[in-house]
C-alpha cells in the first residue's frame, strides 16, 4: 500500500498539471469528508480549510439524498466545482468565469 506522503505528493502533482494545462483554474485541492486536505495546488492566497468548513454542513446533510456526486456554484467572478472522485474524497476546483467546462472535465 502506498504511504500517505507519497500519495499526497502524487495528487499534488496531478493538481499542478491540471492548473498548467487549464490556466482558468485558480485553485484546486482534494479533501475527504472529514475535512482533511489531502493535496493542494494553489496559485493565490486562499484559506482552504475555511472553504472546506464552509461546505461541511452540506456534506453532513447530503446522506439524505445519497451523498454528493458533484456541486457547481456559478458566481459573478467564477465557479466553484466540487466533484466526488472516490468514496468520501472530493476534488474542489475554483475557476475563472469563462472556463471551458468541457475541457476542464476532460483534463480533470
PDB file of N, CA and C in Angstrom:
ATOM      1  N   UNK A   1       0.846  -1.184   0.000  1.00  0.00           N
ATOM      2  CA  UNK A   1       0.000   0.000   0.000  1.00  0.00           C
ATOM      3  C   UNK A   1       0.888   1.244   0.000  1.00  0.00           C
ATOM      4  N   UNK A   2       0.475   2.243  -0.729  1.00  0.00           N
ATOM      5  CA  UNK A   2       1.232   3.489  -0.858  1.00  0.00           C
ATOM      6  C   UNK A   2       1.076   4.323   0.421  1.00  0.00           C
ATOM      7  N   UNK A   3       2.165   4.908   0.900  1.00  0.00           N
ATOM      8  CA  UNK A   3       2.070   5.698   2.126  1.00  0.00           C
ATOM      9  C   UNK A   3       1.436   7.057   1.825  1.00  0.00           C
ATOM     10  N   UNK A   4       0.918   7.677   2.876  1.00  0.00           N
ATOM     11  CA  UNK A   4       0.144   8.907   2.736  1.00  0.00           C
ATOM     12  C   UNK A   4       0.952  10.049   2.120  1.00  0.00           C
ATOM     13  N   UNK A   5       2.221  10.174   2.486  1.00  0.00           N
ATOM     14  CA  UNK A   5       3.055  11.252   1.958  1.00  0.00           C
ATOM     15  C   UNK A   5       3.269  11.102   0.452  1.00  0.00           C
ATOM     16  N   UNK A   6       3.535   9.895  -0.002  1.00  0.00           N
ATOM     17  CA  UNK A   6       3.726   9.640  -1.431  1.00  0.00           C
ATOM     18  C   UNK A   6       2.430   9.884  -2.188  1.00  0.00           C
ATOM     19  N   UNK A   7       1.323   9.420  -1.623  1.00  0.00           N
ATOM     20  CA  UNK A   7       0.000   9.615  -2.217  1.00  0.00           C
ATOM     21  C   UNK A   7      -0.309  11.103  -2.352  1.00  0.00           C
ATOM     22  N   UNK A   8      -0.058  11.868  -1.304  1.00  0.00           N
ATOM     23  CA  UNK A   8      -0.297  13.309  -1.311  1.00  0.00           C
ATOM     24  C   UNK A   8       0.565  14.006  -2.359  1.00  0.00           C
ATOM     25  N   UNK A   9       1.822  13.603  -2.472  1.00  0.00           N
ATOM     26  CA  UNK A   9       2.735  14.182  -3.458  1.00  0.00           C
ATOM     27  C   UNK A   9       2.235  13.922  -4.879  1.00  0.00           C
ATOM     28  N   UNK A  10       1.785  12.701  -5.141  1.00  0.00           N
ATOM     29  CA  UNK A  10       1.268  12.350  -6.472  1.00  0.00           C
ATOM     30  C   UNK A  10       0.009  13.149  -6.798  1.00  0.00           C
ATOM     31  N   UNK A  11      -0.874  13.296  -5.825  1.00  0.00           N
ATOM     32  CA  UNK A  11      -2.093  14.080  -6.036  1.00  0.00           C
ATOM     33  C   UNK A  11      -1.765  15.545  -6.299  1.00  0.00           C
ATOM     34  N   UNK A  12      -0.816  16.092  -5.533  1.00  0.00           N
ATOM     35  CA  UNK A  12      -0.427  17.489  -5.726  1.00  0.00           C
ATOM     36  C   UNK A  12       0.138  17.699  -7.127  1.00  0.00           C
ATOM     37  N   UNK A  13       0.956  16.771  -7.603  1.00  0.00           N
ATOM     38  CA  UNK A  13       1.495  16.880  -8.963  1.00  0.00           C
ATOM     39  C   UNK A  13       0.384  16.857 -10.001  1.00  0.00           C
ATOM     40  N   UNK A  14      -0.607  16.002  -9.803  1.00  0.00           N
ATOM     41  CA  UNK A  14      -1.736  15.936 -10.736  1.00  0.00           C
ATOM     42  C   UNK A  14      -2.505  17.255 -10.747  1.00  0.00           C
ATOM     43  N   UNK A  15      -2.731  17.828  -9.577  1.00  0.00           N
ATOM     44  CA  UNK A  15      -3.439  19.108  -9.492  1.00  0.00           C
ATOM     45  C   UNK A  15      -2.642  20.227 -10.150  1.00  0.00           C
ATOM     46  N   UNK A  16      -1.334  20.221  -9.954  1.00  0.00           N
ATOM     47  CA  UNK A  16      -0.469  21.229 -10.572  1.00  0.00           C
ATOM     48  C   UNK A  16      -0.544  21.136 -12.088  1.00  0.00           C
ATOM     49  N   UNK A  17      -0.530  19.929 -12.621  1.00  0.00           N
ATOM     50  CA  UNK A  17      -0.617  19.743 -14.074  1.00  0.00           C
ATOM     51  C   UNK A  17      -1.958  20.213 -14.623  1.00  0.00           C
ATOM     52  N   UNK A  18      -3.037  19.963 -13.896  1.00  0.00           N
ATOM     53  CA  UNK A  18      -4.350  20.463 -14.327  1.00  0.00           C
ATOM     54  C   UNK A  18      -4.302  21.980 -14.435  1.00  0.00           C
ATOM     55  N   UNK A  19      -3.723  22.638 -13.445  1.00  0.00           N
ATOM     56  CA  UNK A  19      -3.587  24.096 -13.474  1.00  0.00           C
ATOM     57  C   UNK A  19      -2.699  24.581 -14.598  1.00  0.00           C
ATOM     58  N   UNK A  20      -1.660  23.813 -14.925  1.00  0.00           N
ATOM     59  CA  UNK A  20      -0.755  24.205 -16.010  1.00  0.00           C
ATOM     60  C   UNK A  20      -1.427  24.138 -17.374  1.00  0.00           C
ATOM     61  N   UNK A  21      -2.257  23.128 -17.591  1.00  0.00           N
ATOM     62  CA  UNK A  21      -2.878  22.998 -18.912  1.00  0.00           C
ATOM     63  C   UNK A  21      -4.225  23.699 -19.011  1.00  0.00           C
ATOM     64  N   UNK A  22      -4.759  24.134 -17.890  1.00  0.00           N
ATOM     65  CA  UNK A  22      -6.019  24.884 -17.882  1.00  0.00           C
ATOM     66  C   UNK A  22      -5.821  26.113 -16.995  1.00  0.00           C
ATOM     67  N   UNK A  23      -5.292  27.210 -17.569  1.00  0.00           N
ATOM     68  CA  UNK A  23      -4.951  28.384 -16.759  1.00  0.00           C
ATOM     69  C   UNK A  23      -6.147  29.067 -16.090  1.00  0.00           C
ATOM     70  N   UNK A  24      -7.359  28.714 -16.497  1.00  0.00           N
ATOM     71  CA  UNK A  24      -8.544  29.277 -15.844  1.00  0.00           C
ATOM     72  C   UNK A  24      -8.741  28.721 -14.435  1.00  0.00           C
ATOM     73  N   UNK A  25      -8.030  27.641 -14.104  1.00  0.00           N
ATOM     74  CA  UNK A  25      -8.098  27.068 -12.758  1.00  0.00           C
ATOM     75  C   UNK A  25      -7.257  27.943 -11.835  1.00  0.00           C
ATOM     76  N   UNK A  26      -7.902  28.535 -10.865  1.00  0.00           N
ATOM     77  CA  UNK A  26      -7.228  29.440  -9.928  1.00  0.00           C
ATOM     78  C   UNK A  26      -6.783  28.737  -8.646  1.00  0.00           C
ATOM     79  N   UNK A  27      -7.474  27.666  -8.305  1.00  0.00           N
ATOM     80  CA  UNK A  27      -7.187  26.931  -7.078  1.00  0.00           C
ATOM     81  C   UNK A  27      -7.771  25.536  -7.223  1.00  0.00           C
ATOM     82  N   UNK A  28      -7.045  24.542  -6.771  1.00  0.00           N
ATOM     83  CA  UNK A  28      -7.598  23.185  -6.741  1.00  0.00           C
ATOM     84  C   UNK A  28      -7.012  22.443  -5.550  1.00  0.00           C
ATOM     85  N   UNK A  29      -7.846  21.601  -4.966  1.00  0.00           N
ATOM     86  CA  UNK A  29      -7.389  20.790  -3.848  1.00  0.00           C
ATOM     87  C   UNK A  29      -8.286  19.570  -3.703  1.00  0.00           C
ATOM     88  N   UNK A  30      -7.775  18.582  -3.007  1.00  0.00           N
ATOM     89  CA  UNK A  30      -8.506  17.349  -2.755  1.00  0.00           C
ATOM     90  C   UNK A  30      -8.652  17.206  -1.244  1.00  0.00           C
ATOM     91  N   UNK A  31      -9.871  16.887  -0.812  1.00  0.00           N
ATOM     92  CA  UNK A  31     -10.128  16.730   0.617  1.00  0.00           C
ATOM     93  C   UNK A  31     -11.071  15.558   0.843  1.00  0.00           C
ATOM     94  N   UNK A  32     -11.087  15.064   2.077  1.00  0.00           N
ATOM     95  CA  UNK A  32     -12.002  13.967   2.394  1.00  0.00           C
ATOM     96  C   UNK A  32     -13.207  14.498   3.158  1.00  0.00           C
ATOM     97  N   UNK A  33     -14.186  13.631   3.385  1.00  0.00           N
ATOM     98  CA  UNK A  33     -15.426  14.086   4.004  1.00  0.00           C
ATOM     99  C   UNK A  33     -15.260  14.479   5.466  1.00  0.00           C
ATOM    100  N   UNK A  34     -14.136  14.143   6.063  1.00  0.00           N
ATOM    101  CA  UNK A  34     -13.854  14.605   7.423  1.00  0.00           C
ATOM    102  C   UNK A  34     -13.253  16.011   7.422  1.00  0.00           C
ATOM    103  N   UNK A  35     -12.990  16.552   6.238  1.00  0.00           N
ATOM    104  CA  UNK A  35     -12.446  17.898   6.123  1.00  0.00           C
ATOM    105  C   UNK A  35     -10.936  17.969   6.038  1.00  0.00           C
ATOM    106  N   UNK A  36     -10.267  16.830   5.982  1.00  0.00           N
ATOM    107  CA  UNK A  36      -8.807  16.824   5.886  1.00  0.00           C
ATOM    108  C   UNK A  36      -8.389  17.082   4.442  1.00  0.00           C
ATOM    109  N   UNK A  37      -7.514  18.065   4.243  1.00  0.00           N
ATOM    110  CA  UNK A  37      -6.988  18.366   2.915  1.00  0.00           C
ATOM    111  C   UNK A  37      -5.891  17.352   2.611  1.00  0.00           C
ATOM    112  N   UNK A  38      -6.073  16.595   1.528  1.00  0.00           N
ATOM    113  CA  UNK A  38      -5.125  15.549   1.153  1.00  0.00           C
ATOM    114  C   UNK A  38      -4.047  16.066   0.214  1.00  0.00           C
ATOM    115  N   UNK A  39      -4.394  17.054  -0.606  1.00  0.00           N
ATOM    116  CA  UNK A  39      -3.434  17.634  -1.553  1.00  0.00           C
ATOM    117  C   UNK A  39      -3.977  18.970  -2.022  1.00  0.00           C
ATOM    118  N   UNK A  40      -3.059  19.873  -2.379  1.00  0.00           N
ATOM    119  CA  UNK A  40      -3.477  21.177  -2.893  1.00  0.00           C
ATOM    120  C   UNK A  40      -2.463  21.703  -3.892  1.00  0.00           C
ATOM    121  N   UNK A  41      -2.986  22.415  -4.868  1.00  0.00           N
ATOM    122  CA  UNK A  41      -2.154  23.141  -5.826  1.00  0.00           C
ATOM    123  C   UNK A  41      -2.750  24.535  -5.871  1.00  0.00           C
ATOM    124  N   UNK A  42      -2.064  25.460  -5.301  1.00  0.00           N
ATOM    125  CA  UNK A  42      -2.613  26.783  -5.071  1.00  0.00           C
ATOM    126  C   UNK A  42      -1.837  27.823  -5.845  1.00  0.00           C
ATOM    127  N   UNK A  43      -2.564  28.701  -6.543  1.00  0.00           N
ATOM    128  CA  UNK A  43      -1.924  29.789  -7.275  1.00  0.00           C
ATOM    129  C   UNK A  43      -2.041  31.114  -6.527  1.00  0.00           C
ATOM    130  N   UNK A  44      -3.044  31.237  -5.680  1.00  0.00           N
ATOM    131  CA  UNK A  44      -3.258  32.502  -4.993  1.00  0.00           C
ATOM    132  C   UNK A  44      -3.401  32.302  -3.500  1.00  0.00           C
ATOM    133  N   UNK A  45      -3.651  33.388  -2.820  1.00  0.00           N
ATOM    134  CA  UNK A  45      -3.845  33.331  -1.381  1.00  0.00           C
ATOM    135  C   UNK A  45      -5.289  32.935  -1.091  1.00  0.00           C
ATOM    136  N   UNK A  46      -5.458  31.868  -0.363  1.00  0.00           N
ATOM    137  CA  UNK A  46      -6.794  31.394  -0.042  1.00  0.00           C
ATOM    138  C   UNK A  46      -6.705  30.475   1.170  1.00  0.00           C
ATOM    139  N   UNK A  47      -7.709  30.535   2.015  1.00  0.00           N
ATOM    140  CA  UNK A  47      -7.754  29.679   3.188  1.00  0.00           C
ATOM    141  C   UNK A  47      -8.566  28.431   2.849  1.00  0.00           C
ATOM    142  N   UNK A  48      -7.884  27.376   2.445  1.00  0.00           N
ATOM    143  CA  UNK A  48      -8.545  26.149   2.008  1.00  0.00           C
ATOM    144  C   UNK A  48      -9.355  25.525   3.139  1.00  0.00           C
ATOM    145  N   UNK A  49      -8.832  25.533   4.352  1.00  0.00           N
ATOM    146  CA  UNK A  49      -9.554  24.944   5.474  1.00  0.00           C
ATOM    147  C   UNK A  49     -10.896  25.642   5.687  1.00  0.00           C
ATOM    148  N   UNK A  50     -10.948  26.951   5.470  1.00  0.00           N
ATOM    149  CA  UNK A  50     -12.207  27.685   5.613  1.00  0.00           C
ATOM    150  C   UNK A  50     -13.189  27.277   4.523  1.00  0.00           C
ATOM    151  N   UNK A  51     -12.695  27.113   3.310  1.00  0.00           N
ATOM    152  CA  UNK A  51     -13.568  26.677   2.214  1.00  0.00           C
ATOM    153  C   UNK A  51     -14.177  25.319   2.545  1.00  0.00           C
ATOM    154  N   UNK A  52     -13.348  24.396   3.000  1.00  0.00           N
ATOM    155  CA  UNK A  52     -13.835  23.058   3.345  1.00  0.00           C
ATOM    156  C   UNK A  52     -14.863  23.143   4.466  1.00  0.00           C
ATOM    157  N   UNK A  53     -14.580  23.916   5.498  1.00  0.00           N
ATOM    158  CA  UNK A  53     -15.520  24.011   6.619  1.00  0.00           C
ATOM    159  C   UNK A  53     -16.827  24.675   6.201  1.00  0.00           C
ATOM    160  N   UNK A  54     -16.772  25.589   5.229  1.00  0.00           N
ATOM    161  CA  UNK A  54     -17.997  26.227   4.737  1.00  0.00           C
ATOM    162  C   UNK A  54     -18.931  25.224   4.064  1.00  0.00           C
ATOM    163  N   UNK A  55     -18.384  24.178   3.469  1.00  0.00           N
ATOM    164  CA  UNK A  55     -19.188  23.158   2.807  1.00  0.00           C
ATOM    165  C   UNK A  55     -19.519  21.978   3.719  1.00  0.00           C
ATOM    166  N   UNK A  56     -18.994  21.987   4.927  1.00  0.00           N
ATOM    167  CA  UNK A  56     -19.144  20.849   5.835  1.00  0.00           C
ATOM    168  C   UNK A  56     -20.607  20.490   6.100  1.00  0.00           C
ATOM    169  N   UNK A  57     -21.442  21.478   6.352  1.00  0.00           N
ATOM    170  CA  UNK A  57     -22.851  21.199   6.650  1.00  0.00           C
ATOM    171  C   UNK A  57     -23.564  20.564   5.455  1.00  0.00           C
ATOM    172  N   UNK A  58     -23.227  21.008   4.254  1.00  0.00           N
ATOM    173  CA  UNK A  58     -23.817  20.415   3.050  1.00  0.00           C
ATOM    174  C   UNK A  58     -23.462  18.936   2.982  1.00  0.00           C
ATOM    175  N   UNK A  59     -22.198  18.617   3.210  1.00  0.00           N
ATOM    176  CA  UNK A  59     -21.765  17.226   3.149  1.00  0.00           C
ATOM    177  C   UNK A  59     -22.396  16.391   4.261  1.00  0.00           C
ATOM    178  N   UNK A  60     -22.547  16.966   5.443  1.00  0.00           N
ATOM    179  CA  UNK A  60     -23.146  16.233   6.555  1.00  0.00           C
ATOM    180  C   UNK A  60     -24.597  15.869   6.267  1.00  0.00           C
ATOM    181  N   UNK A  61     -25.310  16.762   5.596  1.00  0.00           N
ATOM    182  CA  UNK A  61     -26.732  16.528   5.332  1.00  0.00           C
ATOM    183  C   UNK A  61     -26.984  15.816   4.009  1.00  0.00           C
ATOM    184  N   UNK A  62     -25.969  15.643   3.208  1.00  0.00           N
ATOM    185  CA  UNK A  62     -26.161  15.068   1.877  1.00  0.00           C
ATOM    186  C   UNK A  62     -26.506  13.584   1.895  1.00  0.00           C
ATOM    187  N   UNK A  63     -26.306  12.915   3.016  1.00  0.00           N
ATOM    188  CA  UNK A  63     -26.638  11.485   3.087  1.00  0.00           C
ATOM    189  C   UNK A  63     -28.120  11.237   2.824  1.00  0.00           C
ATOM    190  N   UNK A  64     -28.971  12.232   3.104  1.00  0.00           N
ATOM    191  CA  UNK A  64     -30.412  12.111   2.884  1.00  0.00           C
ATOM    192  C   UNK A  64     -30.725  11.872   1.404  1.00  0.00           C
ATOM    193  N   UNK A  65     -29.904  12.441   0.527  1.00  0.00           N
ATOM    194  CA  UNK A  65     -30.117  12.296  -0.919  1.00  0.00           C
ATOM    195  C   UNK A  65     -29.111  11.336  -1.547  1.00  0.00           C
ATOM    196  N   UNK A  66     -28.415  10.591  -0.719  1.00  0.00           N
ATOM    197  CA  UNK A  66     -27.460   9.612  -1.229  1.00  0.00           C
ATOM    198  C   UNK A  66     -26.056  10.138  -1.404  1.00  0.00           C
ATOM    199  N   UNK A  67     -25.754  11.287  -0.844  1.00  0.00           N
ATOM    200  CA  UNK A  67     -24.416  11.873  -0.950  1.00  0.00           C
ATOM    201  C   UNK A  67     -24.311  12.843  -2.116  1.00  0.00           C
ATOM    202  N   UNK A  68     -23.144  13.416  -2.262  1.00  0.00           N
ATOM    203  CA  UNK A  68     -22.903  14.399  -3.321  1.00  0.00           C
ATOM    204  C   UNK A  68     -22.015  13.778  -4.381  1.00  0.00           C
ATOM    205  N   UNK A  69     -22.484  13.819  -5.606  1.00  0.00           N
ATOM    206  CA  UNK A  69     -21.673  13.391  -6.738  1.00  0.00           C
ATOM    207  C   UNK A  69     -20.891  14.586  -7.268  1.00  0.00           C
ATOM    208  N   UNK A  70     -21.590  15.712  -7.446  1.00  0.00           N
ATOM    209  CA  UNK A  70     -20.916  16.947  -7.855  1.00  0.00           C
ATOM    210  C   UNK A  70     -21.764  18.138  -7.440  1.00  0.00           C
ATOM    211  N   UNK A  71     -21.084  19.265  -7.298  1.00  0.00           N
ATOM    212  CA  UNK A  71     -21.726  20.507  -6.898  1.00  0.00           C
ATOM    213  C   UNK A  71     -21.012  21.637  -7.618  1.00  0.00           C
ATOM    214  N   UNK A  72     -21.769  22.467  -8.332  1.00  0.00           N
ATOM    215  CA  UNK A  72     -21.176  23.602  -9.035  1.00  0.00           C
ATOM    216  C   UNK A  72     -21.856  24.877  -8.567  1.00  0.00           C
ATOM    217  N   UNK A  73     -21.047  25.841  -8.183  1.00  0.00           N
ATOM    218  CA  UNK A  73     -21.546  27.162  -7.817  1.00  0.00           C
ATOM    219  C   UNK A  73     -21.052  28.125  -8.880  1.00  0.00           C
ATOM    220  N   UNK A  74     -21.988  28.757  -9.564  1.00  0.00           N
ATOM    221  CA  UNK A  74     -21.676  29.696 -10.636  1.00  0.00           C
ATOM    222  C   UNK A  74     -21.856  31.106 -10.076  1.00  0.00           C
ATOM    223  N   UNK A  75     -20.751  31.750  -9.726  1.00  0.00           N
ATOM    224  CA  UNK A  75     -20.787  33.068  -9.093  1.00  0.00           C
ATOM    225  C   UNK A  75     -20.465  34.169 -10.104  1.00  0.00           C
ATOM    226  N   UNK A  76     -20.497  35.395  -9.665  1.00  0.00           N
ATOM    227  CA  UNK A  76     -20.228  36.527 -10.561  1.00  0.00           C
ATOM    228  C   UNK A  76     -18.818  36.510 -11.129  1.00  0.00           C
ATOM    229  N   UNK A  77     -17.836  36.144 -10.319  1.00  0.00           N
ATOM    230  CA  UNK A  77     -16.436  36.212 -10.750  1.00  0.00           C
ATOM    231  C   UNK A  77     -15.840  34.868 -11.129  1.00  0.00           C
ATOM    232  N   UNK A  78     -16.563  33.788 -10.931  1.00  0.00           N
ATOM    233  CA  UNK A  78     -16.002  32.486 -11.255  1.00  0.00           C
ATOM    234  C   UNK A  78     -16.897  31.350 -10.817  1.00  0.00           C
ATOM    235  N   UNK A  79     -16.327  30.168 -10.794  1.00  0.00           N
ATOM    236  CA  UNK A  79     -17.072  28.965 -10.434  1.00  0.00           C
ATOM    237  C   UNK A  79     -16.309  28.179  -9.376  1.00  0.00           C
ATOM    238  N   UNK A  80     -17.070  27.484  -8.562  1.00  0.00           N
ATOM    239  CA  UNK A  80     -16.519  26.518  -7.620  1.00  0.00           C
ATOM    240  C   UNK A  80     -17.145  25.182  -7.986  1.00  0.00           C
ATOM    241  N   UNK A  81     -16.309  24.210  -8.287  1.00  0.00           N
ATOM    242  CA  UNK A  81     -16.786  22.891  -8.674  1.00  0.00           C
ATOM    243  C   UNK A  81     -16.235  21.877  -7.680  1.00  0.00           C
ATOM    244  N   UNK A  82     -17.128  21.114  -7.078  1.00  0.00           N
ATOM    245  CA  UNK A  82     -16.719  20.054  -6.164  1.00  0.00           C
ATOM    246  C   UNK A  82     -17.226  18.743  -6.745  1.00  0.00           C
ATOM    247  N   UNK A  83     -16.306  17.805  -6.943  1.00  0.00           N
ATOM    248  CA  UNK A  83     -16.641  16.517  -7.552  1.00  0.00           C
ATOM    249  C   UNK A  83     -16.187  15.377  -6.663  1.00  0.00           C
ATOM    250  N   UNK A  84     -17.024  14.376  -6.544  1.00  0.00           N
ATOM    251  CA  UNK A  84     -16.682  13.172  -5.801  1.00  0.00           C
ATOM    252  C   UNK A  84     -15.784  12.323  -6.691  1.00  0.00           C
ATOM    253  N   UNK A  85     -14.538  12.100  -6.273  1.00  0.00           N
ATOM    254  CA  UNK A  85     -13.602  11.335  -7.103  1.00  0.00           C
ATOM    255  C   UNK A  85     -13.365   9.927  -6.560  1.00  0.00           C
ATOM    256  N   UNK A  86     -13.804   9.702  -5.352  1.00  0.00           N
ATOM    257  CA  UNK A  86     -13.663   8.397  -4.696  1.00  0.00           C
ATOM    258  C   UNK A  86     -14.591   8.446  -3.498  1.00  0.00           C
ATOM    259  N   UNK A  87     -14.996   7.325  -2.981  1.00  0.00           N
ATOM    260  CA  UNK A  87     -15.897   7.310  -1.833  1.00  0.00           C
ATOM    261  C   UNK A  87     -15.354   8.197  -0.711  1.00  0.00           C
ATOM    262  N   UNK A  88     -16.056   9.314  -0.452  1.00  0.00           N
ATOM    263  CA  UNK A  88     -15.658  10.215   0.621  1.00  0.00           C
ATOM    264  C   UNK A  88     -14.481  11.117   0.319  1.00  0.00           C
ATOM    265  N   UNK A  89     -14.042  11.186  -0.942  1.00  0.00           N
ATOM    266  CA  UNK A  89     -12.921  12.042  -1.336  1.00  0.00           C
ATOM    267  C   UNK A  89     -13.392  12.949  -2.469  1.00  0.00           C
ATOM    268  N   UNK A  90     -13.080  14.242  -2.345  1.00  0.00           N
ATOM    269  CA  UNK A  90     -13.602  15.242  -3.271  1.00  0.00           C
ATOM    270  C   UNK A  90     -12.495  16.092  -3.878  1.00  0.00           C
ATOM    271  N   UNK A  91     -12.696  16.452  -5.138  1.00  0.00           N
ATOM    272  CA  UNK A  91     -11.838  17.402  -5.838  1.00  0.00           C
ATOM    273  C   UNK A  91     -12.574  18.729  -5.864  1.00  0.00           C
ATOM    274  N   UNK A  92     -11.949  19.772  -5.351  1.00  0.00           N
ATOM    275  CA  UNK A  92     -12.510  21.121  -5.397  1.00  0.00           C
ATOM    276  C   UNK A  92     -11.683  21.945  -6.372  1.00  0.00           C
ATOM    277  N   UNK A  93     -12.375  22.628  -7.268  1.00  0.00           N
ATOM    278  CA  UNK A  93     -11.712  23.449  -8.268  1.00  0.00           C
ATOM    279  C   UNK A  93     -12.374  24.821  -8.282  1.00  0.00           C
ATOM    280  N   UNK A  94     -11.570  25.864  -8.201  1.00  0.00           N
ATOM    281  CA  UNK A  94     -12.055  27.237  -8.309  1.00  0.00           C
ATOM    282  C   UNK A  94     -11.516  27.778  -9.621  1.00  0.00           C
ATOM    283  N   UNK A  95     -12.417  28.292 -10.457  1.00  0.00           N
ATOM    284  CA  UNK A  95     -12.032  28.723 -11.798  1.00  0.00           C
ATOM    285  C   UNK A  95     -12.496  30.138 -12.083  1.00  0.00           C
ATOM    286  N   UNK A  96     -11.977  30.684 -13.167  1.00  0.00           N
ATOM    287  CA  UNK A  96     -12.474  31.964 -13.647  1.00  0.00           C
ATOM    288  C   UNK A  96     -13.857  31.753 -14.260  1.00  0.00           C
ATOM    289  N   UNK A  97     -14.562  32.826 -14.492  1.00  0.00           N
ATOM    290  CA  UNK A  97     -15.928  32.774 -15.021  1.00  0.00           C
ATOM    291  C   UNK A  97     -15.985  32.116 -16.396  1.00  0.00           C
ATOM    292  N   UNK A  98     -14.966  32.331 -17.217  1.00  0.00           N
ATOM    293  CA  UNK A  98     -15.003  31.893 -18.611  1.00  0.00           C
ATOM    294  C   UNK A  98     -14.355  30.538 -18.858  1.00  0.00           C
ATOM    295  N   UNK A  99     -14.246  29.713 -17.860  1.00  0.00           N
ATOM    296  CA  UNK A  99     -13.613  28.403 -18.033  1.00  0.00           C
ATOM    297  C   UNK A  99     -14.426  27.552 -19.013  1.00  0.00           C
ATOM    298  N   UNK A 100     -13.723  26.814 -19.835  1.00  0.00           N
ATOM    299  CA  UNK A 100     -14.360  25.856 -20.737  1.00  0.00           C
ATOM    300  C   UNK A 100     -14.615  24.583 -19.925  1.00  0.00           C
ATOM    301  N   UNK A 101     -15.851  24.397 -19.493  1.00  0.00           N
ATOM    302  CA  UNK A 101     -16.178  23.290 -18.598  1.00  0.00           C
ATOM    303  C   UNK A 101     -15.922  21.926 -19.235  1.00  0.00           C
ATOM    304  N   UNK A 102     -16.195  21.784 -20.510  1.00  0.00           N
ATOM    305  CA  UNK A 102     -15.953  20.501 -21.187  1.00  0.00           C
ATOM    306  C   UNK A 102     -14.457  20.164 -21.154  1.00  0.00           C
ATOM    307  N   UNK A 103     -13.616  21.165 -21.427  1.00  0.00           N
ATOM    308  CA  UNK A 103     -12.169  20.951 -21.401  1.00  0.00           C
ATOM    309  C   UNK A 103     -11.704  20.614 -19.985  1.00  0.00           C
ATOM    310  N   UNK A 104     -12.205  21.363 -19.012  1.00  0.00           N
ATOM    311  CA  UNK A 104     -11.829  21.112 -17.621  1.00  0.00           C
ATOM    312  C   UNK A 104     -12.227  19.700 -17.196  1.00  0.00           C
ATOM    313  N   UNK A 105     -13.426  19.272 -17.552  1.00  0.00           N
ATOM    314  CA  UNK A 105     -13.869  17.916 -17.216  1.00  0.00           C
ATOM    315  C   UNK A 105     -12.976  16.871 -17.871  1.00  0.00           C
ATOM    316  N   UNK A 106     -12.518  17.159 -19.081  1.00  0.00           N
ATOM    317  CA  UNK A 106     -11.655  16.220 -19.798  1.00  0.00           C
ATOM    318  C   UNK A 106     -10.299  16.070 -19.119  1.00  0.00           C
ATOM    319  N   UNK A 107      -9.711  17.177 -18.680  1.00  0.00           N
ATOM    320  CA  UNK A 107      -8.366  17.117 -18.100  1.00  0.00           C
ATOM    321  C   UNK A 107      -8.364  16.745 -16.622  1.00  0.00           C
ATOM    322  N   UNK A 108      -9.502  16.848 -15.982  1.00  0.00           N
ATOM    323  CA  UNK A 108      -9.539  16.507 -14.558  1.00  0.00           C
ATOM    324  C   UNK A 108     -10.343  15.255 -14.341  1.00  0.00           C
TER     325      UNK A 108
END
